[in-house]
Amino acid sequence: MQARERGITLLEVLLTMTVLALGLFAAAAQQLRGLQVSDEARRDSQAVYLAQGLLERGRAVGVLQEADRADWQAQIHRLLGASAQGRVTGSAETWSLEIHRSGQAPIRLQGRVSP
């Protein structure tokens, strides 16, 4: 007697669907991680842009006014979130700028502002 298997058993279908679901979950996780990394890169670029902008303002004016510092802080909060903080230290000729974000390494820039 020759028995021939025809069709697909329910167990094979369940196994195939499980493997397919795991693959789709892995692909979705990779997409999510890619979006997170892209967002972090965007925030890092914005932090560097804001710090460079303040250094350029210092080169143009020569003195950092309190209004300039408040405007810079407002831009940091608007673009990087309410928990982000900026700090300016240094002498009249050289400024060191730091932007701190929660859970991230600080962004540090240093520049000469006097001619």
N, C-alpha and C. Protein backbone atom coordinates (compact mmCIF):
# COMPACT_ATOMS: atom_id res chain seq x y z
N MET A 1 0.83 -1.16 0.00
CA MET A 1 0.00 0.00 0.00
C MET A 1 0.89 1.24 0.00
N GLN A 2 0.65 2.07 -0.91
CA GLN A 2 1.42 3.30 -1.03
C GLN A 2 0.59 4.47 -0.52
N ALA A 3 1.11 5.10 0.48
CA ALA A 3 0.42 6.28 1.01
C ALA A 3 1.19 7.52 0.54
N ARG A 4 0.49 8.39 -0.06
CA ARG A 4 1.11 9.63 -0.53
C ARG A 4 0.56 10.80 0.28
N GLU A 5 1.47 11.62 0.71
CA GLU A 5 1.03 12.80 1.45
C GLU A 5 0.65 13.87 0.45
N ARG A 6 -0.48 14.43 0.70
CA ARG A 6 -0.93 15.52 -0.16
C ARG A 6 -1.32 16.70 0.71
N GLY A 7 -1.02 17.88 0.22
CA GLY A 7 -1.39 19.08 0.96
C GLY A 7 -0.41 19.37 2.09
N ILE A 8 -0.79 20.34 2.89
CA ILE A 8 0.06 20.79 3.99
C ILE A 8 -0.68 20.52 5.29
N THR A 9 0.02 20.00 6.25
CA THR A 9 -0.62 19.73 7.53
C THR A 9 -0.75 21.02 8.32
N LEU A 10 -1.62 21.03 9.29
CA LEU A 10 -1.85 22.20 10.13
C LEU A 10 -0.59 22.59 10.90
N LEU A 11 0.17 21.63 11.33
CA LEU A 11 1.41 21.90 12.05
C LEU A 11 2.42 22.64 11.17
N GLU A 12 2.53 22.25 9.93
CA GLU A 12 3.44 22.94 9.01
C GLU A 12 3.00 24.38 8.78
N VAL A 13 1.69 24.58 8.67
CA VAL A 13 1.17 25.94 8.47
C VAL A 13 1.48 26.80 9.69
N LEU A 14 1.25 26.28 10.89
CA LEU A 14 1.54 27.03 12.11
C LEU A 14 3.02 27.36 12.24
N LEU A 15 3.87 26.41 11.92
CA LEU A 15 5.30 26.64 11.98
C LEU A 15 5.73 27.72 10.97
N THR A 16 5.19 27.65 9.79
CA THR A 16 5.51 28.65 8.76
C THR A 16 5.04 30.04 9.19
N MET A 17 3.85 30.13 9.74
CA MET A 17 3.32 31.43 10.18
C MET A 17 4.15 31.99 11.35
N THR A 18 4.63 31.12 12.23
CA THR A 18 5.46 31.57 13.35
C THR A 18 6.79 32.13 12.84
N VAL A 19 7.41 31.43 11.93
CA VAL A 19 8.69 31.91 11.37
C VAL A 19 8.48 33.22 10.63
N LEU A 20 7.41 33.33 9.88
CA LEU A 20 7.11 34.57 9.15
C LEU A 20 6.85 35.72 10.13
N ALA A 21 6.10 35.46 11.20
CA ALA A 21 5.81 36.51 12.19
C ALA A 21 7.09 36.98 12.87
N LEU A 22 7.98 36.06 13.21
CA LEU A 22 9.25 36.45 13.83
C LEU A 22 10.08 37.31 12.88
N GLY A 23 10.09 36.96 11.63
CA GLY A 23 10.81 37.77 10.64
C GLY A 23 10.23 39.16 10.51
N LEU A 24 8.91 39.27 10.52
CA LEU A 24 8.28 40.58 10.42
C LEU A 24 8.53 41.42 11.67
N PHE A 25 8.51 40.79 12.84
CA PHE A 25 8.81 41.52 14.07
C PHE A 25 10.26 42.01 14.06
N ALA A 26 11.17 41.22 13.58
CA ALA A 26 12.58 41.63 13.51
C ALA A 26 12.75 42.80 12.54
N ALA A 27 12.06 42.75 11.42
CA ALA A 27 12.14 43.85 10.45
C ALA A 27 11.55 45.13 11.04
N ALA A 28 10.44 45.01 11.77
CA ALA A 28 9.84 46.18 12.41
C ALA A 28 10.76 46.76 13.48
N ALA A 29 11.43 45.90 14.23
CA ALA A 29 12.37 46.37 15.26
C ALA A 29 13.54 47.11 14.62
N GLN A 30 14.04 46.62 13.50
CA GLN A 30 15.13 47.29 12.80
C GLN A 30 14.69 48.66 12.28
N GLN A 31 13.47 48.74 11.77
CA GLN A 31 12.93 50.02 11.30
C GLN A 31 12.85 51.01 12.45
N LEU A 32 12.33 50.56 13.59
CA LEU A 32 12.20 51.43 14.75
C LEU A 32 13.56 51.91 15.23
N ARG A 33 14.53 51.04 15.28
CA ARG A 33 15.88 51.43 15.70
C ARG A 33 16.49 52.43 14.72
N GLY A 34 16.25 52.23 13.44
CA GLY A 34 16.73 53.17 12.44
C GLY A 34 16.13 54.56 12.63
N LEU A 35 14.84 54.62 12.95
CA LEU A 35 14.20 55.90 13.20
C LEU A 35 14.77 56.58 14.45
N GLN A 36 15.03 55.80 15.48
CA GLN A 36 15.60 56.36 16.71
C GLN A 36 16.99 56.93 16.46
N VAL A 37 17.81 56.21 15.74
CA VAL A 37 19.17 56.68 15.45
C VAL A 37 19.13 57.93 14.57
N SER A 38 18.23 57.95 13.62
CA SER A 38 18.07 59.11 12.76
C SER A 38 17.64 60.34 13.56
N ASP A 39 16.73 60.16 14.50
CA ASP A 39 16.28 61.27 15.33
C ASP A 39 17.41 61.77 16.23
N GLU A 40 18.20 60.88 16.79
CA GLU A 40 19.34 61.29 17.60
C GLU A 40 20.36 62.07 16.77
N ALA A 41 20.61 61.63 15.56
CA ALA A 41 21.55 62.34 14.68
C ALA A 41 21.02 63.74 14.35
N ARG A 42 19.71 63.84 14.14
CA ARG A 42 19.11 65.15 13.87
C ARG A 42 19.28 66.07 15.07
N ARG A 43 19.04 65.56 16.27
CA ARG A 43 19.19 66.38 17.48
C ARG A 43 20.65 66.78 17.70
N ASP A 44 21.59 65.89 17.44
CA ASP A 44 23.00 66.24 17.56
C ASP A 44 23.37 67.35 16.57
N SER A 45 22.88 67.25 15.35
CA SER A 45 23.16 68.27 14.34
C SER A 45 22.56 69.61 14.76
N GLN A 46 21.35 69.59 15.30
CA GLN A 46 20.74 70.84 15.76
C GLN A 46 21.51 71.45 16.92
N ALA A 47 22.02 70.62 17.83
CA ALA A 47 22.80 71.13 18.95
C ALA A 47 24.08 71.80 18.46
N VAL A 48 24.77 71.18 17.53
CA VAL A 48 25.99 71.77 16.97
C VAL A 48 25.65 73.06 16.22
N TYR A 49 24.55 73.07 15.49
CA TYR A 49 24.12 74.27 14.76
C TYR A 49 23.85 75.42 15.74
N LEU A 50 23.16 75.14 16.84
CA LEU A 50 22.87 76.19 17.82
C LEU A 50 24.14 76.71 18.48
N ALA A 51 25.05 75.82 18.83
CA ALA A 51 26.30 76.25 19.45
C ALA A 51 27.14 77.07 18.48
N GLN A 52 27.22 76.63 17.23
CA GLN A 52 27.98 77.38 16.23
C GLN A 52 27.34 78.75 15.98
N GLY A 53 26.02 78.80 16.01
CA GLY A 53 25.33 80.08 15.83
C GLY A 53 25.67 81.07 16.93
N LEU A 54 25.75 80.59 18.17
CA LEU A 54 26.11 81.49 19.27
C LEU A 54 27.56 81.94 19.15
N LEU A 55 28.45 81.05 18.74
CA LEU A 55 29.84 81.46 18.52
C LEU A 55 29.94 82.51 17.42
N GLU A 56 29.20 82.35 16.36
CA GLU A 56 29.21 83.34 15.27
C GLU A 56 28.65 84.67 15.75
N ARG A 57 27.61 84.62 16.56
CA ARG A 57 27.05 85.86 17.13
C ARG A 57 28.09 86.55 18.00
N GLY A 58 28.84 85.76 18.77
CA GLY A 58 29.90 86.33 19.59
C GLY A 58 31.00 86.96 18.76
N ARG A 59 31.34 86.33 17.65
CA ARG A 59 32.36 86.91 16.76
C ARG A 59 31.88 88.21 16.14
N ALA A 60 30.60 88.28 15.83
CA ALA A 60 30.05 89.49 15.20
C ALA A 60 29.93 90.63 16.20
N VAL A 61 29.46 90.35 17.40
CA VAL A 61 29.19 91.39 18.38
C VAL A 61 30.37 91.59 19.33
N GLY A 62 31.00 90.51 19.74
CA GLY A 62 32.15 90.60 20.63
C GLY A 62 31.81 90.37 22.09
N VAL A 63 30.57 90.62 22.47
CA VAL A 63 30.15 90.46 23.87
C VAL A 63 28.84 89.69 23.89
N LEU A 64 28.74 88.76 24.82
CA LEU A 64 27.50 87.98 24.97
C LEU A 64 26.59 88.69 25.95
N GLN A 65 25.50 89.23 25.44
CA GLN A 65 24.51 89.89 26.29
C GLN A 65 23.60 88.84 26.93
N GLU A 66 22.95 89.22 28.02
CA GLU A 66 22.03 88.30 28.70
C GLU A 66 20.85 87.96 27.79
N ALA A 67 20.42 88.89 26.96
CA ALA A 67 19.33 88.62 26.02
C ALA A 67 19.75 87.56 24.99
N ASP A 68 21.01 87.62 24.56
CA ASP A 68 21.51 86.61 23.63
C ASP A 68 21.52 85.23 24.28
N ARG A 69 21.95 85.18 25.53
CA ARG A 69 21.99 83.91 26.25
C ARG A 69 20.57 83.36 26.45
N ALA A 70 19.63 84.23 26.80
CA ALA A 70 18.24 83.79 26.99
C ALA A 70 17.62 83.31 25.68
N ASP A 71 17.93 84.01 24.59
CA ASP A 71 17.43 83.59 23.27
C ASP A 71 18.01 82.24 22.89
N TRP A 72 19.29 82.04 23.16
CA TRP A 72 19.94 80.76 22.87
C TRP A 72 19.32 79.63 23.67
N GLN A 73 19.07 79.88 24.96
CA GLN A 73 18.43 78.86 25.80
C GLN A 73 17.02 78.54 25.28
N ALA A 74 16.29 79.57 24.85
CA ALA A 74 14.94 79.34 24.32
C ALA A 74 14.98 78.49 23.05
N GLN A 75 15.96 78.73 22.20
CA GLN A 75 16.11 77.92 20.99
C GLN A 75 16.46 76.48 21.34
N ILE A 76 17.31 76.29 22.33
CA ILE A 76 17.68 74.94 22.76
C ILE A 76 16.44 74.20 23.26
N HIS A 77 15.64 74.87 24.08
CA HIS A 77 14.43 74.24 24.61
C HIS A 77 13.44 73.91 23.49
N ARG A 78 13.32 74.82 22.54
CA ARG A 78 12.35 74.61 21.45
C ARG A 78 12.78 73.47 20.53
N LEU A 79 14.06 73.39 20.19
CA LEU A 79 14.51 72.39 19.23
C LEU A 79 14.92 71.06 19.85
N LEU A 80 15.43 71.09 21.08
CA LEU A 80 15.98 69.87 21.68
C LEU A 80 15.17 69.34 22.85
N GLY A 81 14.15 70.06 23.26
CA GLY A 81 13.31 69.60 24.36
C GLY A 81 13.51 70.43 25.62
N ALA A 82 12.52 70.37 26.49
CA ALA A 82 12.53 71.20 27.70
C ALA A 82 13.63 70.81 28.67
N SER A 83 14.09 69.57 28.63
CA SER A 83 15.13 69.13 29.56
C SER A 83 16.54 69.51 29.11
N ALA A 84 16.70 69.97 27.89
CA ALA A 84 18.03 70.33 27.37
C ALA A 84 18.48 71.66 27.99
N GLN A 85 19.77 71.75 28.28
CA GLN A 85 20.35 72.94 28.88
C GLN A 85 21.63 73.31 28.15
N GLY A 86 21.87 74.60 28.01
CA GLY A 86 23.10 75.09 27.41
C GLY A 86 23.90 75.88 28.43
N ARG A 87 25.22 75.85 28.28
CA ARG A 87 26.09 76.57 29.20
C ARG A 87 27.24 77.18 28.41
N VAL A 88 27.56 78.43 28.74
CA VAL A 88 28.66 79.13 28.10
C VAL A 88 29.67 79.48 29.18
N THR A 89 30.92 79.10 28.98
CA THR A 89 32.00 79.46 29.90
C THR A 89 33.18 79.96 29.08
N GLY A 90 34.13 80.55 29.75
CA GLY A 90 35.34 80.98 29.06
C GLY A 90 35.68 82.42 29.33
N SER A 91 36.64 82.89 28.58
CA SER A 91 37.12 84.26 28.73
C SER A 91 36.50 85.14 27.66
N ALA A 92 36.97 86.38 27.60
CA ALA A 92 36.46 87.30 26.60
C ALA A 92 36.88 86.89 25.19
N GLU A 93 37.98 86.14 25.07
CA GLU A 93 38.47 85.76 23.75
C GLU A 93 38.02 84.37 23.31
N THR A 94 37.89 83.45 24.25
CA THR A 94 37.56 82.06 23.91
C THR A 94 36.35 81.61 24.72
N TRP A 95 35.37 81.07 24.03
CA TRP A 95 34.17 80.55 24.69
C TRP A 95 34.14 79.04 24.56
N SER A 96 33.63 78.42 25.59
CA SER A 96 33.38 76.98 25.57
C SER A 96 31.88 76.79 25.77
N LEU A 97 31.23 76.13 24.84
CA LEU A 97 29.78 75.92 24.90
C LEU A 97 29.48 74.45 25.11
N GLU A 98 28.53 74.17 25.98
CA GLU A 98 28.09 72.80 26.23
C GLU A 98 26.57 72.76 26.15
N ILE A 99 26.07 71.74 25.50
CA ILE A 99 24.63 71.51 25.46
C ILE A 99 24.40 70.12 26.04
N HIS A 100 23.63 70.07 27.12
CA HIS A 100 23.33 68.81 27.81
C HIS A 100 21.89 68.41 27.52
N ARG A 101 21.72 67.15 27.16
CA ARG A 101 20.38 66.56 26.98
C ARG A 101 20.28 65.35 27.88
N SER A 102 19.09 65.08 28.37
CA SER A 102 18.92 63.96 29.29
C SER A 102 19.22 62.64 28.58
N GLY A 103 20.06 61.84 29.21
CA GLY A 103 20.38 60.53 28.67
C GLY A 103 21.38 60.52 27.53
N GLN A 104 21.95 61.66 27.18
CA GLN A 104 22.89 61.74 26.07
C GLN A 104 24.20 62.38 26.54
N ALA A 105 25.25 62.10 25.83
CA ALA A 105 26.53 62.74 26.11
C ALA A 105 26.43 64.22 25.71
N PRO A 106 27.05 65.11 26.47
CA PRO A 106 26.96 66.53 26.13
C PRO A 106 27.69 66.85 24.83
N ILE A 107 27.18 67.85 24.15
CA ILE A 107 27.82 68.37 22.94
C ILE A 107 28.69 69.55 23.39
N ARG A 108 29.98 69.53 23.05
CA ARG A 108 30.91 70.58 23.47
C ARG A 108 31.56 71.21 22.24
N LEU A 109 31.54 72.54 22.22
CA LEU A 109 32.23 73.29 21.19
C LEU A 109 33.04 74.39 21.86
N GLN A 110 34.18 74.67 21.29
CA GLN A 110 35.01 75.74 21.80
C GLN A 110 35.42 76.60 20.62
N GLY A 111 35.41 77.91 20.82
CA GLY A 111 35.77 78.78 19.72
C GLY A 111 36.32 80.11 20.19
N ARG A 112 37.09 80.69 19.33
CA ARG A 112 37.66 82.01 19.58
C ARG A 112 36.67 83.03 19.06
N VAL A 113 36.34 84.02 19.90
CA VAL A 113 35.34 85.00 19.49
C VAL A 113 35.93 86.38 19.21
N SER A 114 37.12 86.66 19.69
CA SER A 114 37.69 87.97 19.41
C SER A 114 38.59 87.87 18.19
N PRO A 115 38.67 88.95 17.44
CA PRO A 115 39.51 88.93 16.23
C PRO A 115 40.99 88.88 16.53
